Amino acid sequence: MYPNQNRFGGISNTSAAAFDEGLRQHMLRVYNYMGLGLVMTGLVAFIVGTTPALYVPIFSSPLKWVVMLAPLAFVFFFSFRMHAMSASSAQMTFWAFSAVMGLSLASVFLVFTGASIARTFFIAATMFGAMSLFGYTTKRDLSKMGSFLIMGLIGVMIASIVNIFLGSSALQFAVSVIGIVVFVGLTAYDTQNIKEQYAENHDQESQQKLAVFGALSLYLNFVNIFQLLLNFTGQREE
């Protein structure tokens, strides 16, 4: 809802224009943070994944489990410390998380060809962009499907953990299909949620934090779509 309604229930053109411009700047800030985070992740993943002196000590030792689980630790840290963090701390933590995620994703360069990784990235970017645009522009209330998406996300996480021990290709296929649907849906849902959280009367510190946390949610959706798509479009190294 726009602020500064007049006494007849209307909204002045000036107030509406100011609100729309503020919202546009806020969303642009969110996407910029997300984009820079992905750039950092990609650079770290590429450098580590193509440098034997770096990836051999990591992925040929128990250290690989630390690298693989570290992003999850960052997500929990964000979740529990979100309200207590300053805007600058949130930014620094997000950049650190993006770099650690790059370490974790470096393994894809050991498994899949560079061409298939690039192809999958563009497919994921197209899917993400389309759904984020839908979430931003639609007049439908997407909050109703939020609970179903969260339930689906929990199911995907549990199934993924179980499959680490089972190693079932059929279960992996099901997890990938359902996971893509869930994260594509979450992209639209989170985009609408970020838009609705914006308020013109928030101070600069609060707006900055909202932008970082919004970027984190969209970043996670994109990375998961990309990883799950690799199971279908990725061509393995021979």
C-alpha atoms as a PDB file:
ATOM      1  CA  MET A   1       0.000   0.000   0.000  1.00  0.00           C
ATOM      2  CA  TYR A   2       1.269   3.451  -0.826  1.00  0.00           C
ATOM      3  CA  PRO A   3       1.860   5.897   2.006  1.00  0.00           C
ATOM      4  CA  ASN A   4       0.428   9.424   2.295  1.00  0.00           C
ATOM      5  CA  GLN A   5      -3.113   8.783   1.134  1.00  0.00           C
ATOM      6  CA  ASN A   6      -5.245  11.900   0.966  1.00  0.00           C
ATOM      7  CA  ARG A   7      -8.400  12.328   3.044  1.00  0.00           C
ATOM      8  CA  PHE A   8     -10.551  10.987   0.210  1.00  0.00           C
ATOM      9  CA  GLY A   9      -8.599   7.696   0.161  1.00  0.00           C
ATOM     10  CA  GLY A  10      -6.629   8.591  -2.940  1.00  0.00           C
ATOM     11  CA  ILE A  11      -2.919   8.820  -3.451  1.00  0.00           C
ATOM     12  CA  SER A  12      -1.232  11.920  -4.753  1.00  0.00           C
ATOM     13  CA  ASN A  13       0.720  11.490  -7.967  1.00  0.00           C
ATOM     14  CA  THR A  14       3.806  12.929  -6.275  1.00  0.00           C
ATOM     15  CA  SER A  15       3.661  10.442  -3.371  1.00  0.00           C
ATOM     16  CA  ALA A  16       3.049   7.501  -5.683  1.00  0.00           C
ATOM     17  CA  ALA A  17       5.908   8.503  -7.975  1.00  0.00           C
ATOM     18  CA  ALA A  18       8.269   8.954  -5.021  1.00  0.00           C
ATOM     19  CA  PHE A  19       7.279   5.574  -3.608  1.00  0.00           C
ATOM     20  CA  ASP A  20       7.724   3.823  -6.960  1.00  0.00           C
ATOM     21  CA  GLU A  21      11.141   5.393  -7.454  1.00  0.00           C
ATOM     22  CA  GLY A  22      12.215   4.381  -3.965  1.00  0.00           C
ATOM     23  CA  LEU A  23      11.009   0.824  -4.561  1.00  0.00           C
ATOM     24  CA  ARG A  24      12.815   0.676  -7.906  1.00  0.00           C
ATOM     25  CA  GLN A  25      16.064   1.790  -6.275  1.00  0.00           C
ATOM     26  CA  HIS A  26      15.609  -0.752  -3.492  1.00  0.00           C
ATOM     27  CA  MET A  27      15.045  -3.665  -5.894  1.00  0.00           C
ATOM     28  CA  LEU A  28      17.997  -2.518  -8.009  1.00  0.00           C
ATOM     29  CA  ARG A  29      20.143  -2.587  -4.862  1.00  0.00           C
ATOM     30  CA  VAL A  30      18.943  -6.123  -4.094  1.00  0.00           C
ATOM     31  CA  TYR A  31      19.792  -7.380  -7.586  1.00  0.00           C
ATOM     32  CA  ASN A  32      23.164  -5.618  -7.533  1.00  0.00           C
ATOM     33  CA  TYR A  33      24.127  -7.323  -4.287  1.00  0.00           C
ATOM     34  CA  MET A  34      22.957 -10.650  -5.624  1.00  0.00           C
ATOM     35  CA  GLY A  35      24.811 -10.181  -8.923  1.00  0.00           C
ATOM     36  CA  LEU A  36      28.063  -9.192  -7.231  1.00  0.00           C
ATOM     37  CA  GLY A  37      27.714 -12.166  -4.898  1.00  0.00           C
ATOM     38  CA  LEU A  38      27.338 -14.499  -7.881  1.00  0.00           C
ATOM     39  CA  VAL A  39      30.377 -12.930  -9.569  1.00  0.00           C
ATOM     40  CA  MET A  40      32.463 -13.531  -6.455  1.00  0.00           C
ATOM     41  CA  THR A  41      31.182 -17.100  -6.190  1.00  0.00           C
ATOM     42  CA  GLY A  42      31.921 -17.794  -9.845  1.00  0.00           C
ATOM     43  CA  LEU A  43      35.438 -16.371  -9.690  1.00  0.00           C
ATOM     44  CA  VAL A  44      36.366 -18.332  -6.560  1.00  0.00           C
ATOM     45  CA  ALA A  45      34.841 -21.540  -7.966  1.00  0.00           C
ATOM     46  CA  PHE A  46      36.660 -21.146 -11.291  1.00  0.00           C
ATOM     47  CA  ILE A  47      40.052 -20.292  -9.767  1.00  0.00           C
ATOM     48  CA  VAL A  48      39.932 -23.118  -7.230  1.00  0.00           C
ATOM     49  CA  GLY A  49      38.330 -25.647  -9.598  1.00  0.00           C
ATOM     50  CA  THR A  50      40.968 -25.123 -12.304  1.00  0.00           C
ATOM     51  CA  THR A  51      44.037 -24.913 -10.056  1.00  0.00           C
ATOM     52  CA  PRO A  52      45.323 -28.340  -8.926  1.00  0.00           C
ATOM     53  CA  ALA A  53      47.445 -26.773  -6.181  1.00  0.00           C
ATOM     54  CA  LEU A  54      44.211 -25.513  -4.615  1.00  0.00           C
ATOM     55  CA  TYR A  55      41.588 -28.192  -5.283  1.00  0.00           C
ATOM     56  CA  VAL A  56      43.733 -31.280  -4.602  1.00  0.00           C
ATOM     57  CA  PRO A  57      44.382 -30.463  -0.908  1.00  0.00           C
ATOM     58  CA  ILE A  58      40.706 -29.569  -0.437  1.00  0.00           C
ATOM     59  CA  PHE A  59      38.803 -32.290  -2.256  1.00  0.00           C
ATOM     60  CA  SER A  60      41.175 -35.170  -1.576  1.00  0.00           C
ATOM     61  CA  SER A  61      40.976 -34.796   2.196  1.00  0.00           C
ATOM     62  CA  PRO A  62      38.328 -34.517   4.942  1.00  0.00           C
ATOM     63  CA  LEU A  63      38.556 -30.761   4.416  1.00  0.00           C
ATOM     64  CA  LYS A  64      36.053 -31.196   1.590  1.00  0.00           C
ATOM     65  CA  TRP A  65      33.294 -31.810   4.150  1.00  0.00           C
ATOM     66  CA  VAL A  66      34.118 -28.538   5.887  1.00  0.00           C
ATOM     67  CA  VAL A  67      33.964 -26.713   2.546  1.00  0.00           C
ATOM     68  CA  MET A  68      30.691 -28.396   1.589  1.00  0.00           C
ATOM     69  CA  LEU A  69      28.961 -27.715   4.926  1.00  0.00           C
ATOM     70  CA  ALA A  70      30.332 -24.210   5.543  1.00  0.00           C
ATOM     71  CA  PRO A  71      27.656 -22.463   3.368  1.00  0.00           C
ATOM     72  CA  LEU A  72      24.938 -24.103   5.461  1.00  0.00           C
ATOM     73  CA  ALA A  73      26.585 -22.772   8.621  1.00  0.00           C
ATOM     74  CA  PHE A  74      26.539 -19.270   7.121  1.00  0.00           C
ATOM     75  CA  VAL A  75      22.825 -19.572   6.334  1.00  0.00           C
ATOM     76  CA  PHE A  76      22.066 -20.567   9.936  1.00  0.00           C
ATOM     77  CA  PHE A  77      24.229 -17.700  11.167  1.00  0.00           C
ATOM     78  CA  PHE A  78      22.294 -15.261   8.988  1.00  0.00           C
ATOM     79  CA  SER A  79      18.996 -16.666  10.237  1.00  0.00           C
ATOM     80  CA  PHE A  80      19.810 -16.319  13.934  1.00  0.00           C
ATOM     81  CA  ARG A  81      21.782 -13.058  13.789  1.00  0.00           C
ATOM     82  CA  MET A  82      19.782 -11.252  11.130  1.00  0.00           C
ATOM     83  CA  HIS A  83      18.069  -8.737  13.401  1.00  0.00           C
ATOM     84  CA  ALA A  84      21.123  -8.054  15.555  1.00  0.00           C
ATOM     85  CA  MET A  85      23.516  -7.387  12.666  1.00  0.00           C
ATOM     86  CA  SER A  86      24.392  -3.933  11.390  1.00  0.00           C
ATOM     87  CA  ALA A  87      24.120  -3.203   7.672  1.00  0.00           C
ATOM     88  CA  SER A  88      27.905  -3.234   7.249  1.00  0.00           C
ATOM     89  CA  SER A  89      28.213  -6.557   9.125  1.00  0.00           C
ATOM     90  CA  ALA A  90      25.470  -8.060   6.977  1.00  0.00           C
ATOM     91  CA  GLN A  91      27.298  -6.993   3.810  1.00  0.00           C
ATOM     92  CA  MET A  92      30.654  -8.388   4.958  1.00  0.00           C
ATOM     93  CA  THR A  93      29.023 -11.663   5.985  1.00  0.00           C
ATOM     94  CA  PHE A  94      27.286 -11.898   2.613  1.00  0.00           C
ATOM     95  CA  TRP A  95      30.571 -11.405   0.720  1.00  0.00           C
ATOM     96  CA  ALA A  96      32.270 -14.015   2.928  1.00  0.00           C
ATOM     97  CA  PHE A  97      29.372 -16.396   2.316  1.00  0.00           C
ATOM     98  CA  SER A  98      29.618 -15.852  -1.444  1.00  0.00           C
ATOM     99  CA  ALA A  99      33.332 -16.695  -1.365  1.00  0.00           C
ATOM    100  CA  VAL A 100      32.774 -19.832   0.734  1.00  0.00           C
ATOM    101  CA  MET A 101      30.005 -20.912  -1.631  1.00  0.00           C
ATOM    102  CA  GLY A 102      32.513 -20.524  -4.447  1.00  0.00           C
ATOM    103  CA  LEU A 103      34.851 -22.942  -2.669  1.00  0.00           C
ATOM    104  CA  SER A 104      31.992 -25.409  -2.344  1.00  0.00           C
ATOM    105  CA  LEU A 105      30.984 -25.065  -6.002  1.00  0.00           C
ATOM    106  CA  ALA A 106      34.568 -25.462  -7.255  1.00  0.00           C
ATOM    107  CA  SER A 107      33.904 -29.201  -7.448  1.00  0.00           C
ATOM    108  CA  VAL A 108      31.564 -28.705 -10.435  1.00  0.00           C
ATOM    109  CA  PHE A 109      34.605 -27.782 -12.553  1.00  0.00           C
ATOM    110  CA  LEU A 110      36.099 -31.163 -11.662  1.00  0.00           C
ATOM    111  CA  VAL A 111      32.979 -33.066 -12.684  1.00  0.00           C
ATOM    112  CA  PHE A 112      31.389 -31.178 -15.593  1.00  0.00           C
ATOM    113  CA  THR A 113      32.763 -29.608 -18.768  1.00  0.00           C
ATOM    114  CA  GLY A 114      33.135 -25.838 -18.920  1.00  0.00           C
ATOM    115  CA  ALA A 115      30.750 -25.590 -21.885  1.00  0.00           C
ATOM    116  CA  SER A 116      27.958 -27.441 -20.086  1.00  0.00           C
ATOM    117  CA  ILE A 117      28.486 -25.340 -16.944  1.00  0.00           C
ATOM    118  CA  ALA A 118      28.131 -22.145 -19.002  1.00  0.00           C
ATOM    119  CA  ARG A 119      25.052 -23.514 -20.791  1.00  0.00           C
ATOM    120  CA  THR A 120      23.415 -24.492 -17.506  1.00  0.00           C
ATOM    121  CA  PHE A 121      24.203 -21.089 -16.025  1.00  0.00           C
ATOM    122  CA  PHE A 122      22.370 -19.300 -18.839  1.00  0.00           C
ATOM    123  CA  ILE A 123      19.391 -21.662 -18.583  1.00  0.00           C
ATOM    124  CA  ALA A 124      19.232 -21.074 -14.818  1.00  0.00           C
ATOM    125  CA  ALA A 125      19.566 -17.309 -15.342  1.00  0.00           C
ATOM    126  CA  THR A 126      16.678 -17.331 -17.832  1.00  0.00           C
ATOM    127  CA  MET A 127      14.424 -19.331 -15.512  1.00  0.00           C
ATOM    128  CA  PHE A 128      15.349 -17.187 -12.528  1.00  0.00           C
ATOM    129  CA  GLY A 129      14.859 -13.914 -14.406  1.00  0.00           C
ATOM    130  CA  ALA A 130      11.462 -14.924 -15.747  1.00  0.00           C
ATOM    131  CA  MET A 131      10.137 -16.012 -12.357  1.00  0.00           C
ATOM    132  CA  SER A 132      11.580 -13.021 -10.506  1.00  0.00           C
ATOM    133  CA  LEU A 133       9.943 -10.697 -13.043  1.00  0.00           C
ATOM    134  CA  PHE A 134       6.673 -12.562 -12.568  1.00  0.00           C
ATOM    135  CA  GLY A 135       6.948 -12.212  -8.789  1.00  0.00           C
ATOM    136  CA  TYR A 136       7.607  -8.494  -9.113  1.00  0.00           C
ATOM    137  CA  THR A 137       4.832  -7.670 -11.573  1.00  0.00           C
ATOM    138  CA  THR A 138       2.007 -10.071 -10.693  1.00  0.00           C
ATOM    139  CA  LYS A 139      -1.032  -8.788  -8.822  1.00  0.00           C
ATOM    140  CA  ARG A 140      -1.698 -12.255  -7.402  1.00  0.00           C
ATOM    141  CA  ASP A 141      -0.953 -12.857  -3.732  1.00  0.00           C
ATOM    142  CA  LEU A 142       1.805 -15.498  -3.713  1.00  0.00           C
ATOM    143  CA  SER A 143       1.948 -15.753   0.082  1.00  0.00           C
ATOM    144  CA  LYS A 144      -0.595 -18.581  -0.021  1.00  0.00           C
ATOM    145  CA  MET A 145       1.840 -20.871  -1.804  1.00  0.00           C
ATOM    146  CA  GLY A 146       4.700 -19.947   0.521  1.00  0.00           C
ATOM    147  CA  SER A 147       3.897 -22.629   3.100  1.00  0.00           C
ATOM    148  CA  PHE A 148       3.720 -25.336   0.422  1.00  0.00           C
ATOM    149  CA  LEU A 149       7.061 -24.235  -1.001  1.00  0.00           C
ATOM    150  CA  ILE A 150       8.681 -24.293   2.439  1.00  0.00           C
ATOM    151  CA  MET A 151       7.307 -27.794   3.042  1.00  0.00           C
ATOM    152  CA  GLY A 152       8.673 -28.853  -0.347  1.00  0.00           C
ATOM    153  CA  LEU A 153      12.048 -27.316   0.504  1.00  0.00           C
ATOM    154  CA  ILE A 154      12.217 -29.248   3.781  1.00  0.00           C
ATOM    155  CA  GLY A 155      11.294 -32.444   1.939  1.00  0.00           C
ATOM    156  CA  VAL A 156      14.011 -31.866  -0.671  1.00  0.00           C
ATOM    157  CA  MET A 157      16.616 -31.261   2.044  1.00  0.00           C
ATOM    158  CA  ILE A 158      15.681 -34.417   3.948  1.00  0.00           C
ATOM    159  CA  ALA A 159      15.635 -36.530   0.774  1.00  0.00           C
ATOM    160  CA  SER A 160      19.031 -35.138  -0.276  1.00  0.00           C
ATOM    161  CA  ILE A 161      20.576 -36.039   3.076  1.00  0.00           C
ATOM    162  CA  VAL A 162      19.079 -39.538   2.953  1.00  0.00           C
ATOM    163  CA  ASN A 163      20.374 -40.038  -0.575  1.00  0.00           C
ATOM    164  CA  ILE A 164      23.935 -39.279   0.531  1.00  0.00           C
ATOM    165  CA  PHE A 165      23.835 -42.681   2.223  1.00  0.00           C
ATOM    166  CA  LEU A 166      21.579 -44.498  -0.275  1.00  0.00           C
ATOM    167  CA  GLY A 167      23.154 -43.255  -3.493  1.00  0.00           C
ATOM    168  CA  SER A 168      19.928 -43.878  -5.418  1.00  0.00           C
ATOM    169  CA  SER A 169      19.862 -42.423  -8.935  1.00  0.00           C
ATOM    170  CA  ALA A 170      16.038 -42.588  -9.000  1.00  0.00           C
ATOM    171  CA  LEU A 171      15.799 -40.612  -5.751  1.00  0.00           C
ATOM    172  CA  GLN A 172      18.369 -38.130  -7.038  1.00  0.00           C
ATOM    173  CA  PHE A 173      16.290 -37.614 -10.182  1.00  0.00           C
ATOM    174  CA  ALA A 174      13.136 -37.024  -8.126  1.00  0.00           C
ATOM    175  CA  VAL A 175      14.955 -34.624  -5.796  1.00  0.00           C
ATOM    176  CA  SER A 176      16.305 -32.661  -8.762  1.00  0.00           C
ATOM    177  CA  VAL A 177      12.906 -32.314 -10.460  1.00  0.00           C
ATOM    178  CA  ILE A 178      11.035 -31.370  -7.299  1.00  0.00           C
ATOM    179  CA  GLY A 179      13.888 -29.123  -6.165  1.00  0.00           C
ATOM    180  CA  ILE A 180      13.847 -27.121  -9.398  1.00  0.00           C
ATOM    181  CA  VAL A 181      10.073 -26.614  -9.097  1.00  0.00           C
ATOM    182  CA  VAL A 182      10.427 -25.539  -5.454  1.00  0.00           C
ATOM    183  CA  PHE A 183      13.260 -23.049  -6.026  1.00  0.00           C
ATOM    184  CA  VAL A 184      11.659 -21.607  -9.156  1.00  0.00           C
ATOM    185  CA  GLY A 185       8.494 -21.039  -7.126  1.00  0.00           C
ATOM    186  CA  LEU A 186      10.485 -19.558  -4.247  1.00  0.00           C
ATOM    187  CA  THR A 187      12.095 -17.104  -6.657  1.00  0.00           C
ATOM    188  CA  ALA A 188       8.703 -15.577  -7.485  1.00  0.00           C
ATOM    189  CA  TYR A 189       7.550 -15.768  -3.863  1.00  0.00           C
ATOM    190  CA  ASP A 190      10.705 -14.180  -2.431  1.00  0.00           C
ATOM    191  CA  THR A 191      10.723 -11.423  -5.057  1.00  0.00           C
ATOM    192  CA  GLN A 192       7.171 -10.433  -4.171  1.00  0.00           C
ATOM    193  CA  ASN A 193       8.029 -10.646  -0.473  1.00  0.00           C
ATOM    194  CA  ILE A 194      11.078  -8.376  -0.908  1.00  0.00           C
ATOM    195  CA  LYS A 195       8.912  -5.881  -2.800  1.00  0.00           C
ATOM    196  CA  GLU A 196       6.239  -5.872  -0.098  1.00  0.00           C
ATOM    197  CA  GLN A 197       8.775  -5.497   2.723  1.00  0.00           C
ATOM    198  CA  TYR A 198       9.929  -2.206   1.271  1.00  0.00           C
ATOM    199  CA  ALA A 199       8.668   0.822   3.157  1.00  0.00           C
ATOM    200  CA  GLU A 200       9.520   4.398   2.318  1.00  0.00           C
ATOM    201  CA  ASN A 201       9.779   5.359   5.996  1.00  0.00           C
ATOM    202  CA  HIS A 202      12.559   2.883   6.800  1.00  0.00           C
ATOM    203  CA  ASP A 203      15.859   4.515   7.705  1.00  0.00           C
ATOM    204  CA  GLN A 204      18.900   3.973   5.490  1.00  0.00           C
ATOM    205  CA  GLU A 205      20.404   1.337   7.809  1.00  0.00           C
ATOM    206  CA  SER A 206      17.224  -0.755   7.723  1.00  0.00           C
ATOM    207  CA  GLN A 207      16.882  -0.430   3.955  1.00  0.00           C
ATOM    208  CA  GLN A 208      20.468  -1.563   3.512  1.00  0.00           C
ATOM    209  CA  LYS A 209      19.925  -4.637   5.672  1.00  0.00           C
ATOM    210  CA  LEU A 210      16.693  -5.500   3.863  1.00  0.00           C
ATOM    211  CA  ALA A 211      18.540  -5.283   0.551  1.00  0.00           C
ATOM    212  CA  VAL A 212      21.305  -7.637   1.737  1.00  0.00           C
ATOM    213  CA  PHE A 213      18.900 -10.212   3.151  1.00  0.00           C
ATOM    214  CA  GLY A 214      16.727  -9.990   0.061  1.00  0.00           C
ATOM    215  CA  ALA A 215      19.794 -10.542  -2.113  1.00  0.00           C
ATOM    216  CA  LEU A 216      20.723 -13.576   0.004  1.00  0.00           C
ATOM    217  CA  SER A 217      17.332 -15.243  -0.490  1.00  0.00           C
ATOM    218  CA  LEU A 218      17.393 -14.712  -4.257  1.00  0.00           C
ATOM    219  CA  TYR A 219      21.054 -15.753  -4.446  1.00  0.00           C
ATOM    220  CA  LEU A 220      20.264 -19.060  -2.717  1.00  0.00           C
ATOM    221  CA  ASN A 221      17.363 -19.713  -5.087  1.00  0.00           C
ATOM    222  CA  PHE A 222      19.548 -19.106  -8.131  1.00  0.00           C
ATOM    223  CA  VAL A 223      22.459 -21.244  -6.903  1.00  0.00           C
ATOM    224  CA  ASN A 224      20.147 -24.141  -6.096  1.00  0.00           C
ATOM    225  CA  ILE A 225      18.397 -23.936  -9.478  1.00  0.00           C
ATOM    226  CA  PHE A 226      21.817 -23.966 -11.155  1.00  0.00           C
ATOM    227  CA  GLN A 227      23.091 -26.951  -9.164  1.00  0.00           C
ATOM    228  CA  LEU A 228      19.944 -29.007  -9.701  1.00  0.00           C
ATOM    229  CA  LEU A 229      19.848 -28.229 -13.425  1.00  0.00           C
ATOM    230  CA  LEU A 230      23.408 -29.517 -13.757  1.00  0.00           C
ATOM    231  CA  ASN A 231      22.056 -33.008 -13.065  1.00  0.00           C
ATOM    232  CA  PHE A 232      20.119 -32.759 -16.354  1.00  0.00           C
ATOM    233  CA  THR A 233      22.134 -30.475 -18.611  1.00  0.00           C
ATOM    234  CA  GLY A 234      25.670 -30.959 -17.289  1.00  0.00           C
ATOM    235  CA  GLN A 235      28.048 -32.969 -19.456  1.00  0.00           C
ATOM    236  CA  ARG A 236      30.540 -34.870 -17.345  1.00  0.00           C
ATOM    237  CA  GLU A 237      34.273 -34.787 -17.954  1.00  0.00           C
ATOM    238  CA  GLU A 238      35.572 -37.980 -19.563  1.00  0.00           C
END
